[in-house]
Amino acid sequence: MRILYGVQGTGHGHISRARVVLPKLREYAEVDVLISGYNFKMNIDGPVQYKARGLSFAYDNNGSVDVLETALNLHPLRFIRDIQTLPVEAYDFVVNDFEPVTAWAAQSARIPCVAISHQASFLSGNSPRPDKRSVMAEQVMRHFAPSTAAVGSHYLRYDDFIAPPIIRRHIRDLHPKPGGHVTVYLPAFNNKMLYTIFNQVRKVEWHVFCPECEKAYIRENVKVNPLGKETFLESIENCLGIVSSTGFETTSEAMFLGKKLLTIPIKKQYEQLCNAAALKKIGAKVVYQVDQYFSQTLSDWIEEGRALNLPEISDEEELVQKIIHLGLGKVSKQKSFEQSVVN
C-alpha cells in the first residue's frame, strides 16, 4: 500500500500533527510526503519527497493577515503546474492536512483523499463559529483542499467524524508545573513590537518565541527566542501560562498541560475566529485587540486567569486505523465504479 501525505507547511499545527501521524502510518504503508508553503520555519522530522509553493497566508507584523501580500504571492500558474506534475496516480490514496496541491491533484486523478485537518471539522455546521460569519471564508475552508472523506479534529467532539486533538509525544511526556514566566507565541507580530507590549508588565518574565528572530536576546524581563522545539518545550513545561494566537495546536497543548491561556486571534484569519468562539464557550480568555488597555488585561489575567483542561485526546492507533479504513474503502468503491463503466 502506497500513500501520499500532503501537509500544509504554514503554521505550527499541521507539521506538529504530521510528526505524530506519519510514524504510525508508516507502520502499515509506504508513505511519501509533500509539504507546501513558502513561509514555514519548522521541520517535519523525516524525509520529504516533494516540495511545492502551494498557498500560504502572509502577515503584516501587527497581528493581521496581509491580504495584498497574500494575493501577490499566490502564483496561480505555478500552483497549477505543481498539481499537474505531481505523480499522484502512483499512490493508492492521499492523506491530506489542509494541503491544496495534493488535494486538487487527487481530485483531478480521481484518487481517494482523506482529510485529517482541524479545518475539516468545519465541514460540520455544529463546530462553533463567530457571531459574524463570513460566507467567503466558509467557502474557502470547504474547498481549499477538497477531499473524499474526512477526519476532523477539534477541542470537543462536535460531530461524529470529529476526533479530539492530536497531542504530540513531546508534549505528552512533559511534567508541567507553574513557574514564574509566561510563554508567548504570536507569529503574526514582529519581535520588536512584542518586546514593547510585554515589557510593560513587569510582574513576570516573558518568553517570546518569534519566527523572524534568528538569535535569542534578553531585554529586562523579556526574552525573545527563535523557534526551536527544545527551548519551546522547556518554556511551556514550567510556565505560569501561555499567550498565543488562536491556532488549534498551541491552544490545545496549553489546555492539555493545564496552563492558563490568553489567546489573540489573527485578524482576518477566519479559522482562528472560529477557534476563538469555541474557546470562549470553554472558558478561555480571548482578546481581539491589542490596544492601550492590553497591559492591564495581561496583569488581570496573570492574577485571575484560570487553567483549562482537555476532556480527551486522540488515540494515534485508532486514528490511523480510521484513516486507512476510509482511504481503502474509497479505493474499493472507485475501482468498483470504474469496472462497472468498463463493463
C-alpha atoms as a PDB file:
ATOM      1  CA  MET A   1       0.000   0.000   0.000  1.00  0.00           C
ATOM      2  CA  ARG A   2       1.378   3.397  -1.029  1.00  0.00           C
ATOM      3  CA  ILE A   3       0.109   6.630   0.489  1.00  0.00           C
ATOM      4  CA  LEU A   4       0.923  10.234  -0.398  1.00  0.00           C
ATOM      5  CA  TYR A   5       0.757  12.510   2.658  1.00  0.00           C
ATOM      6  CA  GLY A   6       0.240  16.212   1.917  1.00  0.00           C
ATOM      7  CA  VAL A   7       0.932  18.687   4.706  1.00  0.00           C
ATOM      8  CA  GLN A   8       0.473  22.439   4.790  1.00  0.00           C
ATOM      9  CA  GLY A   9       3.764  23.936   5.937  1.00  0.00           C
ATOM     10  CA  THR A  10       2.346  27.253   7.107  1.00  0.00           C
ATOM     11  CA  GLY A  11       1.679  27.325  10.839  1.00  0.00           C
ATOM     12  CA  HIS A  12       2.701  25.192  13.776  1.00  0.00           C
ATOM     13  CA  GLY A  13      -0.245  22.807  13.811  1.00  0.00           C
ATOM     14  CA  HIS A  14      -0.090  20.914  10.528  1.00  0.00           C
ATOM     15  CA  ILE A  15       3.557  19.930  10.929  1.00  0.00           C
ATOM     16  CA  SER A  16       3.047  19.007  14.600  1.00  0.00           C
ATOM     17  CA  ARG A  17       0.203  16.709  13.578  1.00  0.00           C
ATOM     18  CA  ALA A  18       2.328  15.149  10.823  1.00  0.00           C
ATOM     19  CA  ARG A  19       5.059  14.355  13.368  1.00  0.00           C
ATOM     20  CA  VAL A  20       2.508  12.245  15.234  1.00  0.00           C
ATOM     21  CA  VAL A  21       0.595  10.623  12.371  1.00  0.00           C
ATOM     22  CA  LEU A  22       3.420   9.828   9.932  1.00  0.00           C
ATOM     23  CA  PRO A  23       5.441   7.384  12.085  1.00  0.00           C
ATOM     24  CA  LYS A  24       2.311   5.411  12.959  1.00  0.00           C
ATOM     25  CA  LEU A  25       1.047   5.437   9.359  1.00  0.00           C
ATOM     26  CA  ARG A  26       4.422   4.133   8.161  1.00  0.00           C
ATOM     27  CA  GLU A  27       3.911   1.023  10.276  1.00  0.00           C
ATOM     28  CA  TYR A  28       1.218  -0.027   7.779  1.00  0.00           C
ATOM     29  CA  ALA A  29       2.185   1.519   4.443  1.00  0.00           C
ATOM     30  CA  GLU A  30       4.879   3.081   2.326  1.00  0.00           C
ATOM     31  CA  VAL A  31       4.323   6.801   2.777  1.00  0.00           C
ATOM     32  CA  ASP A  32       5.758   9.679   0.746  1.00  0.00           C
ATOM     33  CA  VAL A  33       5.392  13.295   1.868  1.00  0.00           C
ATOM     34  CA  LEU A  34       4.663  16.533   0.059  1.00  0.00           C
ATOM     35  CA  ILE A  35       4.971  19.761   2.020  1.00  0.00           C
ATOM     36  CA  SER A  36       3.819  23.076   0.590  1.00  0.00           C
ATOM     37  CA  GLY A  37       4.096  26.697   1.628  1.00  0.00           C
ATOM     38  CA  TYR A  38       6.758  29.360   1.234  1.00  0.00           C
ATOM     39  CA  ASN A  39       6.961  30.800   4.747  1.00  0.00           C
ATOM     40  CA  PHE A  40       7.265  27.854   7.148  1.00  0.00           C
ATOM     41  CA  LYS A  41      10.059  27.591   9.722  1.00  0.00           C
ATOM     42  CA  MET A  42       9.550  24.110  11.219  1.00  0.00           C
ATOM     43  CA  ASN A  43      10.900  20.752  10.050  1.00  0.00           C
ATOM     44  CA  ILE A  44       8.801  17.629   9.690  1.00  0.00           C
ATOM     45  CA  ASP A  45      11.392  15.314  11.338  1.00  0.00           C
ATOM     46  CA  GLY A  46      11.754  12.915   8.413  1.00  0.00           C
ATOM     47  CA  PRO A  47      12.192  12.603   4.639  1.00  0.00           C
ATOM     48  CA  VAL A  48      10.190  14.871   2.325  1.00  0.00           C
ATOM     49  CA  GLN A  49       9.854  13.581  -1.242  1.00  0.00           C
ATOM     50  CA  TYR A  50       8.103  16.614  -2.757  1.00  0.00           C
ATOM     51  CA  LYS A  51       8.023  20.345  -2.046  1.00  0.00           C
ATOM     52  CA  ALA A  52       5.592  22.800  -3.595  1.00  0.00           C
ATOM     53  CA  ARG A  53       4.990  26.510  -3.223  1.00  0.00           C
ATOM     54  CA  GLY A  54       1.312  25.950  -2.512  1.00  0.00           C
ATOM     55  CA  LEU A  55      -0.813  28.690  -0.956  1.00  0.00           C
ATOM     56  CA  SER A  56       0.091  30.488   2.274  1.00  0.00           C
ATOM     57  CA  PHE A  57      -1.014  33.455   4.349  1.00  0.00           C
ATOM     58  CA  ALA A  58       1.280  36.474   4.720  1.00  0.00           C
ATOM     59  CA  TYR A  59       1.115  38.577   7.907  1.00  0.00           C
ATOM     60  CA  ASP A  60       1.632  42.314   8.394  1.00  0.00           C
ATOM     61  CA  ASN A  61       3.630  42.014  11.697  1.00  0.00           C
ATOM     62  CA  ASN A  62       0.795  43.749  13.586  1.00  0.00           C
ATOM     63  CA  GLY A  63      -1.363  40.710  14.233  1.00  0.00           C
ATOM     64  CA  SER A  64      -3.303  40.562  10.963  1.00  0.00           C
ATOM     65  CA  VAL A  65      -3.339  38.714   7.648  1.00  0.00           C
ATOM     66  CA  ASP A  66      -1.834  40.928   4.931  1.00  0.00           C
ATOM     67  CA  VAL A  67      -4.440  40.454   2.203  1.00  0.00           C
ATOM     68  CA  LEU A  68      -2.473  42.241  -0.531  1.00  0.00           C
ATOM     69  CA  GLU A  69       0.789  40.403   0.204  1.00  0.00           C
ATOM     70  CA  THR A  70      -1.092  37.090   0.343  1.00  0.00           C
ATOM     71  CA  ALA A  71      -2.657  37.796  -3.057  1.00  0.00           C
ATOM     72  CA  LEU A  72       0.660  38.855  -4.607  1.00  0.00           C
ATOM     73  CA  ASN A  73       2.242  35.571  -3.501  1.00  0.00           C
ATOM     74  CA  LEU A  74      -0.405  33.266  -4.965  1.00  0.00           C
ATOM     75  CA  HIS A  75       1.480  32.356  -8.189  1.00  0.00           C
ATOM     76  CA  PRO A  76      -1.514  30.528  -9.768  1.00  0.00           C
ATOM     77  CA  LEU A  77       0.390  29.212 -12.808  1.00  0.00           C
ATOM     78  CA  ARG A  78       2.991  27.538 -10.618  1.00  0.00           C
ATOM     79  CA  PHE A  79       0.205  26.126  -8.430  1.00  0.00           C
ATOM     80  CA  ILE A  80      -1.458  24.558 -11.478  1.00  0.00           C
ATOM     81  CA  ARG A  81       1.872  23.198 -12.725  1.00  0.00           C
ATOM     82  CA  ASP A  82       2.599  21.630  -9.321  1.00  0.00           C
ATOM     83  CA  ILE A  83      -0.790  19.880  -9.451  1.00  0.00           C
ATOM     84  CA  GLN A  84      -0.297  18.613 -12.993  1.00  0.00           C
ATOM     85  CA  THR A  85       3.243  17.302 -12.470  1.00  0.00           C
ATOM     86  CA  LEU A  86       2.640  15.509  -9.176  1.00  0.00           C
ATOM     87  CA  PRO A  87       2.615  11.713  -9.839  1.00  0.00           C
ATOM     88  CA  VAL A  88      -0.412  11.116  -7.637  1.00  0.00           C
ATOM     89  CA  GLU A  89      -1.522   8.098  -9.714  1.00  0.00           C
ATOM     90  CA  ALA A  90       1.380   6.137  -8.211  1.00  0.00           C
ATOM     91  CA  TYR A  91      -0.430   6.042  -4.843  1.00  0.00           C
ATOM     92  CA  ASP A  92      -3.443   4.152  -3.529  1.00  0.00           C
ATOM     93  CA  PHE A  93      -4.798   7.230  -1.790  1.00  0.00           C
ATOM     94  CA  VAL A  94      -3.852  10.627  -0.388  1.00  0.00           C
ATOM     95  CA  VAL A  95      -3.870  11.711   3.256  1.00  0.00           C
ATOM     96  CA  ASN A  96      -4.223  15.467   3.382  1.00  0.00           C
ATOM     97  CA  ASP A  97      -3.693  18.016   6.151  1.00  0.00           C
ATOM     98  CA  PHE A  98      -5.193  21.122   4.532  1.00  0.00           C
ATOM     99  CA  GLU A  99      -2.652  20.957   1.711  1.00  0.00           C
ATOM    100  CA  PRO A 100      -4.079  22.130  -1.638  1.00  0.00           C
ATOM    101  CA  VAL A 101      -1.625  20.652  -4.192  1.00  0.00           C
ATOM    102  CA  THR A 102      -2.131  17.002  -3.219  1.00  0.00           C
ATOM    103  CA  ALA A 103      -5.863  17.560  -2.660  1.00  0.00           C
ATOM    104  CA  TRP A 104      -6.504  19.015  -6.106  1.00  0.00           C
ATOM    105  CA  ALA A 105      -4.136  16.547  -7.789  1.00  0.00           C
ATOM    106  CA  ALA A 106      -6.075  13.694  -6.185  1.00  0.00           C
ATOM    107  CA  GLN A 107      -9.393  15.145  -7.279  1.00  0.00           C
ATOM    108  CA  SER A 108      -8.138  15.609 -10.843  1.00  0.00           C
ATOM    109  CA  ALA A 109      -6.873  11.995 -10.979  1.00  0.00           C
ATOM    110  CA  ARG A 110      -9.918  10.613  -9.111  1.00  0.00           C
ATOM    111  CA  ILE A 111      -7.697   9.278  -6.366  1.00  0.00           C
ATOM    112  CA  PRO A 112      -9.296   8.988  -2.885  1.00  0.00           C
ATOM    113  CA  CYS A 113      -8.244  11.746  -0.499  1.00  0.00           C
ATOM    114  CA  VAL A 114      -8.735  11.583   3.292  1.00  0.00           C
ATOM    115  CA  ALA A 115      -8.606  14.969   5.052  1.00  0.00           C
ATOM    116  CA  ILE A 116      -7.253  14.866   8.613  1.00  0.00           C
ATOM    117  CA  SER A 117      -7.096  18.565   9.452  1.00  0.00           C
ATOM    118  CA  HIS A 118      -8.623  20.825  12.051  1.00  0.00           C
ATOM    119  CA  GLN A 119     -10.152  22.733   9.130  1.00  0.00           C
ATOM    120  CA  ALA A 120     -12.030  19.557   8.168  1.00  0.00           C
ATOM    121  CA  SER A 121     -14.040  19.886  11.390  1.00  0.00           C
ATOM    122  CA  PHE A 122     -15.737  22.939   9.828  1.00  0.00           C
ATOM    123  CA  LEU A 123     -17.401  20.699   7.286  1.00  0.00           C
ATOM    124  CA  SER A 124     -19.860  20.282  10.169  1.00  0.00           C
ATOM    125  CA  GLY A 125     -22.284  23.064  10.972  1.00  0.00           C
ATOM    126  CA  ASN A 126     -22.031  22.027  14.633  1.00  0.00           C
ATOM    127  CA  SER A 127     -18.468  23.342  15.013  1.00  0.00           C
ATOM    128  CA  PRO A 128     -18.559  26.774  16.713  1.00  0.00           C
ATOM    129  CA  ARG A 129     -18.444  29.898  14.563  1.00  0.00           C
ATOM    130  CA  PRO A 130     -18.103  33.597  15.424  1.00  0.00           C
ATOM    131  CA  ASP A 131     -21.268  35.690  15.697  1.00  0.00           C
ATOM    132  CA  LYS A 132     -20.454  37.289  12.356  1.00  0.00           C
ATOM    133  CA  ARG A 133     -19.940  34.517   9.821  1.00  0.00           C
ATOM    134  CA  SER A 134     -18.009  35.024   6.590  1.00  0.00           C
ATOM    135  CA  VAL A 135     -19.635  33.328   3.601  1.00  0.00           C
ATOM    136  CA  MET A 136     -16.434  33.679   1.573  1.00  0.00           C
ATOM    137  CA  ALA A 137     -14.208  32.264   4.318  1.00  0.00           C
ATOM    138  CA  GLU A 138     -16.601  29.361   4.839  1.00  0.00           C
ATOM    139  CA  GLN A 139     -16.315  28.508   1.143  1.00  0.00           C
ATOM    140  CA  VAL A 140     -12.507  28.773   1.247  1.00  0.00           C
ATOM    141  CA  MET A 141     -12.286  26.359   4.194  1.00  0.00           C
ATOM    142  CA  ARG A 142     -14.629  23.932   2.441  1.00  0.00           C
ATOM    143  CA  HIS A 143     -12.941  23.987  -0.990  1.00  0.00           C
ATOM    144  CA  PHE A 144      -9.292  24.954  -0.311  1.00  0.00           C
ATOM    145  CA  ALA A 145      -8.250  21.294  -0.050  1.00  0.00           C
ATOM    146  CA  PRO A 146     -11.167  19.089  -1.241  1.00  0.00           C
ATOM    147  CA  SER A 147     -11.430  15.514  -0.002  1.00  0.00           C
ATOM    148  CA  THR A 148     -13.498  12.386  -0.477  1.00  0.00           C
ATOM    149  CA  ALA A 149     -13.559  11.570   3.263  1.00  0.00           C
ATOM    150  CA  ALA A 150     -12.622  13.452   6.414  1.00  0.00           C
ATOM    151  CA  VAL A 151     -11.494  13.034   9.999  1.00  0.00           C
ATOM    152  CA  GLY A 152     -11.790  16.454  11.610  1.00  0.00           C
ATOM    153  CA  SER A 153     -10.036  17.475  14.808  1.00  0.00           C
ATOM    154  CA  HIS A 154     -11.420  19.882  17.408  1.00  0.00           C
ATOM    155  CA  TYR A 155     -11.422  20.651  21.130  1.00  0.00           C
ATOM    156  CA  LEU A 156     -14.656  18.680  21.595  1.00  0.00           C
ATOM    157  CA  ARG A 157     -16.499  16.050  19.518  1.00  0.00           C
ATOM    158  CA  TYR A 158     -18.961  18.397  17.843  1.00  0.00           C
ATOM    159  CA  ASP A 159     -19.898  15.758  15.211  1.00  0.00           C
ATOM    160  CA  ASP A 160     -19.454  12.024  14.637  1.00  0.00           C
ATOM    161  CA  PHE A 161     -16.489  12.457  12.244  1.00  0.00           C
ATOM    162  CA  ILE A 162     -14.649  14.872  14.571  1.00  0.00           C
ATOM    163  CA  ALA A 163     -11.896  13.460  16.777  1.00  0.00           C
ATOM    164  CA  PRO A 164     -10.223  15.077  19.815  1.00  0.00           C
ATOM    165  CA  PRO A 165      -6.928  16.988  19.390  1.00  0.00           C
ATOM    166  CA  ILE A 166      -3.768  15.107  18.435  1.00  0.00           C
ATOM    167  CA  ILE A 167      -1.126  15.865  21.062  1.00  0.00           C
ATOM    168  CA  ARG A 168       2.465  15.161  20.061  1.00  0.00           C
ATOM    169  CA  ARG A 169       4.517  12.835  22.240  1.00  0.00           C
ATOM    170  CA  HIS A 170       6.970  15.564  23.281  1.00  0.00           C
ATOM    171  CA  ILE A 171       4.080  17.425  24.919  1.00  0.00           C
ATOM    172  CA  ARG A 172       2.613  14.269  26.478  1.00  0.00           C
ATOM    173  CA  ASP A 173       5.992  13.433  28.019  1.00  0.00           C
ATOM    174  CA  LEU A 174       6.329  16.764  29.846  1.00  0.00           C
ATOM    175  CA  HIS A 175       5.842  17.126  33.605  1.00  0.00           C
ATOM    176  CA  PRO A 176       4.233  20.564  33.810  1.00  0.00           C
ATOM    177  CA  LYS A 177       4.435  22.807  36.840  1.00  0.00           C
ATOM    178  CA  PRO A 178       3.738  26.535  37.273  1.00  0.00           C
ATOM    179  CA  GLY A 179       6.803  28.775  37.146  1.00  0.00           C
ATOM    180  CA  GLY A 180       7.480  32.486  37.131  1.00  0.00           C
ATOM    181  CA  HIS A 181       7.295  33.168  33.394  1.00  0.00           C
ATOM    182  CA  VAL A 182       4.705  33.258  30.623  1.00  0.00           C
ATOM    183  CA  THR A 183       5.344  31.660  27.207  1.00  0.00           C
ATOM    184  CA  VAL A 184       4.329  33.788  24.214  1.00  0.00           C
ATOM    185  CA  TYR A 185       3.771  32.573  20.654  1.00  0.00           C
ATOM    186  CA  LEU A 186       2.276  35.281  18.417  1.00  0.00           C
ATOM    187  CA  PRO A 187       3.717  34.663  14.925  1.00  0.00           C
ATOM    188  CA  ALA A 188       1.761  37.478  13.245  1.00  0.00           C
ATOM    189  CA  PHE A 189       3.609  40.128  15.331  1.00  0.00           C
ATOM    190  CA  ASN A 190       7.261  41.076  14.900  1.00  0.00           C
ATOM    191  CA  ASN A 191       9.670  40.672  17.827  1.00  0.00           C
ATOM    192  CA  LYS A 192      10.265  44.403  18.386  1.00  0.00           C
ATOM    193  CA  MET A 193       6.550  45.034  18.814  1.00  0.00           C
ATOM    194  CA  LEU A 194       6.223  42.033  21.118  1.00  0.00           C
ATOM    195  CA  TYR A 195       9.034  43.346  23.321  1.00  0.00           C
ATOM    196  CA  THR A 196       7.300  46.731  23.559  1.00  0.00           C
ATOM    197  CA  ILE A 197       3.993  45.086  24.505  1.00  0.00           C
ATOM    198  CA  PHE A 198       5.216  42.683  27.190  1.00  0.00           C
ATOM    199  CA  ASN A 199       7.901  44.872  28.703  1.00  0.00           C
ATOM    200  CA  GLN A 200       5.081  46.990  30.133  1.00  0.00           C
ATOM    201  CA  VAL A 201       4.062  44.178  32.515  1.00  0.00           C
ATOM    202  CA  ARG A 202       6.922  43.573  34.967  1.00  0.00           C
ATOM    203  CA  LYS A 203       5.337  41.148  37.434  1.00  0.00           C
ATOM    204  CA  VAL A 204       6.507  38.098  35.407  1.00  0.00           C
ATOM    205  CA  GLU A 205       9.167  37.171  32.883  1.00  0.00           C
ATOM    206  CA  TRP A 206       8.063  36.727  29.274  1.00  0.00           C
ATOM    207  CA  HIS A 207       9.497  34.041  26.982  1.00  0.00           C
ATOM    208  CA  VAL A 208       8.632  35.222  23.463  1.00  0.00           C
ATOM    209  CA  PHE A 209       9.054  32.835  20.510  1.00  0.00           C
ATOM    210  CA  CYS A 210       9.195  34.588  17.161  1.00  0.00           C
ATOM    211  CA  PRO A 211       9.620  33.083  13.640  1.00  0.00           C
ATOM    212  CA  GLU A 212      11.720  36.016  12.408  1.00  0.00           C
ATOM    213  CA  CYS A 213      14.144  36.012  15.362  1.00  0.00           C
ATOM    214  CA  GLU A 214      17.489  34.417  14.432  1.00  0.00           C
ATOM    215  CA  LYS A 215      19.319  34.710  17.767  1.00  0.00           C
ATOM    216  CA  ALA A 216      17.942  34.787  21.316  1.00  0.00           C
ATOM    217  CA  TYR A 217      18.301  38.004  23.294  1.00  0.00           C
ATOM    218  CA  ILE A 218      17.134  39.331  26.659  1.00  0.00           C
ATOM    219  CA  ARG A 219      15.969  42.857  27.448  1.00  0.00           C
ATOM    220  CA  GLU A 220      14.889  43.404  31.029  1.00  0.00           C
ATOM    221  CA  ASN A 221      12.044  40.953  31.742  1.00  0.00           C
ATOM    222  CA  VAL A 222      11.534  39.830  28.114  1.00  0.00           C
ATOM    223  CA  LYS A 223      13.495  37.002  26.479  1.00  0.00           C
ATOM    224  CA  VAL A 224      12.990  36.756  22.717  1.00  0.00           C
ATOM    225  CA  ASN A 225      13.770  33.333  21.189  1.00  0.00           C
ATOM    226  CA  PRO A 226      13.916  31.840  17.699  1.00  0.00           C
ATOM    227  CA  LEU A 227      11.502  28.999  17.105  1.00  0.00           C
ATOM    228  CA  GLY A 228      13.089  25.823  18.445  1.00  0.00           C
ATOM    229  CA  LYS A 229      11.474  22.610  19.629  1.00  0.00           C
ATOM    230  CA  GLU A 230      13.593  22.029  22.740  1.00  0.00           C
ATOM    231  CA  THR A 231      13.595  25.617  24.018  1.00  0.00           C
ATOM    232  CA  PHE A 232       9.856  25.931  23.406  1.00  0.00           C
ATOM    233  CA  LEU A 233       9.099  22.677  25.206  1.00  0.00           C
ATOM    234  CA  GLU A 234      11.237  23.683  28.173  1.00  0.00           C
ATOM    235  CA  SER A 235       9.461  27.028  28.351  1.00  0.00           C
ATOM    236  CA  ILE A 236       5.886  25.731  28.246  1.00  0.00           C
ATOM    237  CA  GLU A 237       6.618  22.885  30.671  1.00  0.00           C
ATOM    238  CA  ASN A 238       7.398  25.290  33.510  1.00  0.00           C
ATOM    239  CA  CYS A 239       5.409  28.373  32.541  1.00  0.00           C
ATOM    240  CA  LEU A 240       2.677  30.090  34.514  1.00  0.00           C
ATOM    241  CA  GLY A 241       0.574  30.454  31.393  1.00  0.00           C
ATOM    242  CA  ILE A 242       0.592  30.777  27.617  1.00  0.00           C
ATOM    243  CA  VAL A 243      -0.251  33.773  25.447  1.00  0.00           C
ATOM    244  CA  SER A 244      -0.762  32.668  21.854  1.00  0.00           C
ATOM    245  CA  SER A 245      -2.556  33.285  18.635  1.00  0.00           C
ATOM    246  CA  THR A 246      -5.679  31.176  18.266  1.00  0.00           C
ATOM    247  CA  GLY A 247      -4.208  28.385  16.215  1.00  0.00           C
ATOM    248  CA  PHE A 248      -5.602  24.994  17.096  1.00  0.00           C
ATOM    249  CA  GLU A 249      -2.477  23.081  18.151  1.00  0.00           C
ATOM    250  CA  THR A 250      -0.900  25.587  20.540  1.00  0.00           C
ATOM    251  CA  THR A 251      -4.198  26.269  22.286  1.00  0.00           C
ATOM    252  CA  SER A 252      -4.884  22.506  22.528  1.00  0.00           C
ATOM    253  CA  GLU A 253      -1.418  21.931  24.010  1.00  0.00           C
ATOM    254  CA  ALA A 254      -1.934  24.710  26.548  1.00  0.00           C
ATOM    255  CA  MET A 255      -5.149  23.072  27.747  1.00  0.00           C
ATOM    256  CA  PHE A 256      -3.591  19.599  27.778  1.00  0.00           C
ATOM    257  CA  LEU A 257      -0.827  20.917  30.056  1.00  0.00           C
ATOM    258  CA  GLY A 258      -3.358  22.623  32.323  1.00  0.00           C
ATOM    259  CA  LYS A 259      -1.939  26.107  31.719  1.00  0.00           C
ATOM    260  CA  LYS A 260      -3.645  29.451  31.854  1.00  0.00           C
ATOM    261  CA  LEU A 261      -4.441  30.545  28.314  1.00  0.00           C
ATOM    262  CA  LEU A 262      -4.863  34.011  26.841  1.00  0.00           C
ATOM    263  CA  THR A 263      -5.353  33.935  23.103  1.00  0.00           C
ATOM    264  CA  ILE A 264      -5.363  36.629  20.410  1.00  0.00           C
ATOM    265  CA  PRO A 265      -6.883  35.538  17.072  1.00  0.00           C
ATOM    266  CA  ILE A 266      -5.039  36.752  13.985  1.00  0.00           C
ATOM    267  CA  LYS A 267      -7.221  39.391  12.349  1.00  0.00           C
ATOM    268  CA  LYS A 268      -8.878  38.382   9.078  1.00  0.00           C
ATOM    269  CA  GLN A 269      -7.983  34.723   9.779  1.00  0.00           C
ATOM    270  CA  TYR A 270     -11.437  33.161   9.897  1.00  0.00           C
ATOM    271  CA  GLU A 271     -10.382  29.778  11.266  1.00  0.00           C
ATOM    272  CA  GLN A 272      -8.846  31.493  14.293  1.00  0.00           C
ATOM    273  CA  LEU A 273     -12.035  33.486  14.851  1.00  0.00           C
ATOM    274  CA  CYS A 274     -13.937  30.186  14.835  1.00  0.00           C
ATOM    275  CA  ASN A 275     -11.463  28.753  17.355  1.00  0.00           C
ATOM    276  CA  ALA A 276     -11.903  31.841  19.499  1.00  0.00           C
ATOM    277  CA  ALA A 277     -15.667  31.293  19.554  1.00  0.00           C
ATOM    278  CA  ALA A 278     -15.126  27.695  20.718  1.00  0.00           C
ATOM    279  CA  LEU A 279     -12.557  28.693  23.344  1.00  0.00           C
ATOM    280  CA  LYS A 280     -14.818  31.393  24.786  1.00  0.00           C
ATOM    281  CA  LYS A 281     -17.511  28.765  25.326  1.00  0.00           C
ATOM    282  CA  ILE A 282     -14.966  26.559  27.093  1.00  0.00           C
ATOM    283  CA  GLY A 283     -13.869  29.450  29.315  1.00  0.00           C
ATOM    284  CA  ALA A 284     -10.607  30.756  27.817  1.00  0.00           C
ATOM    285  CA  LYS A 285      -9.616  34.434  27.844  1.00  0.00           C
ATOM    286  CA  VAL A 286      -9.900  35.777  24.283  1.00  0.00           C
ATOM    287  CA  VAL A 287      -8.596  39.234  23.343  1.00  0.00           C
ATOM    288  CA  TYR A 288      -9.383  40.670  19.923  1.00  0.00           C
ATOM    289  CA  GLN A 289      -7.497  43.962  20.118  1.00  0.00           C
ATOM    290  CA  VAL A 290      -4.003  44.840  21.377  1.00  0.00           C
ATOM    291  CA  ASP A 291      -4.619  48.428  22.472  1.00  0.00           C
ATOM    292  CA  GLN A 292      -3.751  50.847  25.290  1.00  0.00           C
ATOM    293  CA  TYR A 293      -5.665  48.670  27.750  1.00  0.00           C
ATOM    294  CA  PHE A 294      -3.874  45.437  26.865  1.00  0.00           C
ATOM    295  CA  SER A 295      -1.189  45.689  29.552  1.00  0.00           C
ATOM    296  CA  GLN A 296      -3.900  45.903  32.205  1.00  0.00           C
ATOM    297  CA  THR A 297      -5.669  42.941  30.607  1.00  0.00           C
ATOM    298  CA  LEU A 298      -2.434  40.963  30.879  1.00  0.00           C
ATOM    299  CA  SER A 299      -1.965  41.937  34.531  1.00  0.00           C
ATOM    300  CA  ASP A 300      -5.506  40.915  35.407  1.00  0.00           C
ATOM    301  CA  TRP A 301      -5.129  37.625  33.542  1.00  0.00           C
ATOM    302  CA  ILE A 302      -1.894  36.775  35.379  1.00  0.00           C
ATOM    303  CA  GLU A 303      -3.687  37.232  38.705  1.00  0.00           C
ATOM    304  CA  GLU A 304      -7.133  35.886  37.876  1.00  0.00           C
ATOM    305  CA  GLY A 305      -6.901  33.726  34.740  1.00  0.00           C
ATOM    306  CA  ARG A 306      -7.823  30.096  35.159  1.00  0.00           C
ATOM    307  CA  ALA A 307      -6.350  26.966  33.645  1.00  0.00           C
ATOM    308  CA  LEU A 308      -8.392  24.879  31.234  1.00  0.00           C
ATOM    309  CA  ASN A 309      -8.245  21.146  30.541  1.00  0.00           C
ATOM    310  CA  LEU A 310      -8.963  18.956  27.536  1.00  0.00           C
ATOM    311  CA  PRO A 311     -11.529  16.246  28.264  1.00  0.00           C
ATOM    312  CA  GLU A 312      -9.746  13.801  25.908  1.00  0.00           C
ATOM    313  CA  ILE A 313      -7.083  13.494  23.212  1.00  0.00           C
ATOM    314  CA  SER A 314      -6.827  11.320  20.108  1.00  0.00           C
ATOM    315  CA  ASP A 315      -5.508   7.782  20.251  1.00  0.00           C
ATOM    316  CA  GLU A 316      -2.868   7.524  17.498  1.00  0.00           C
ATOM    317  CA  GLU A 317      -3.529   3.866  16.646  1.00  0.00           C
ATOM    318  CA  GLU A 318      -7.283   4.371  16.454  1.00  0.00           C
ATOM    319  CA  LEU A 319      -6.838   7.470  14.313  1.00  0.00           C
ATOM    320  CA  VAL A 320      -4.519   5.791  11.799  1.00  0.00           C
ATOM    321  CA  GLN A 321      -6.780   2.741  11.508  1.00  0.00           C
ATOM    322  CA  LYS A 322      -9.680   5.077  10.714  1.00  0.00           C
ATOM    323  CA  ILE A 323      -7.606   6.879   8.055  1.00  0.00           C
ATOM    324  CA  ILE A 324      -6.636   3.583   6.404  1.00  0.00           C
ATOM    325  CA  HIS A 325     -10.221   2.284   6.554  1.00  0.00           C
ATOM    326  CA  LEU A 326     -11.551   5.449   4.899  1.00  0.00           C
ATOM    327  CA  GLY A 327      -8.800   5.513   2.286  1.00  0.00           C
ATOM    328  CA  LEU A 328      -9.078   1.838   1.298  1.00  0.00           C
ATOM    329  CA  GLY A 329     -12.857   1.993   1.404  1.00  0.00           C
ATOM    330  CA  LYS A 330     -12.834   4.807  -1.134  1.00  0.00           C
ATOM    331  CA  VAL A 331     -10.284   2.907  -3.259  1.00  0.00           C
ATOM    332  CA  SER A 332     -12.576  -0.145  -3.353  1.00  0.00           C
ATOM    333  CA  LYS A 333     -15.630   1.928  -4.301  1.00  0.00           C
ATOM    334  CA  GLN A 334     -13.696   3.778  -7.008  1.00  0.00           C
ATOM    335  CA  LYS A 335     -12.403   0.538  -8.553  1.00  0.00           C
ATOM    336  CA  SER A 336     -15.901  -0.984  -8.478  1.00  0.00           C
ATOM    337  CA  PHE A 337     -17.291   2.092 -10.212  1.00  0.00           C
ATOM    338  CA  GLU A 338     -14.569   2.067 -12.898  1.00  0.00           C
ATOM    339  CA  GLN A 339     -15.130  -1.662 -13.519  1.00  0.00           C
ATOM    340  CA  SER A 340     -18.854  -1.135 -13.954  1.00  0.00           C
ATOM    341  CA  VAL A 341     -18.204   1.628 -16.500  1.00  0.00           C
ATOM    342  CA  VAL A 342     -15.867  -0.653 -18.467  1.00  0.00           C
ATOM    343  CA  ASN A 343     -18.418  -3.487 -18.484  1.00  0.00           C
END
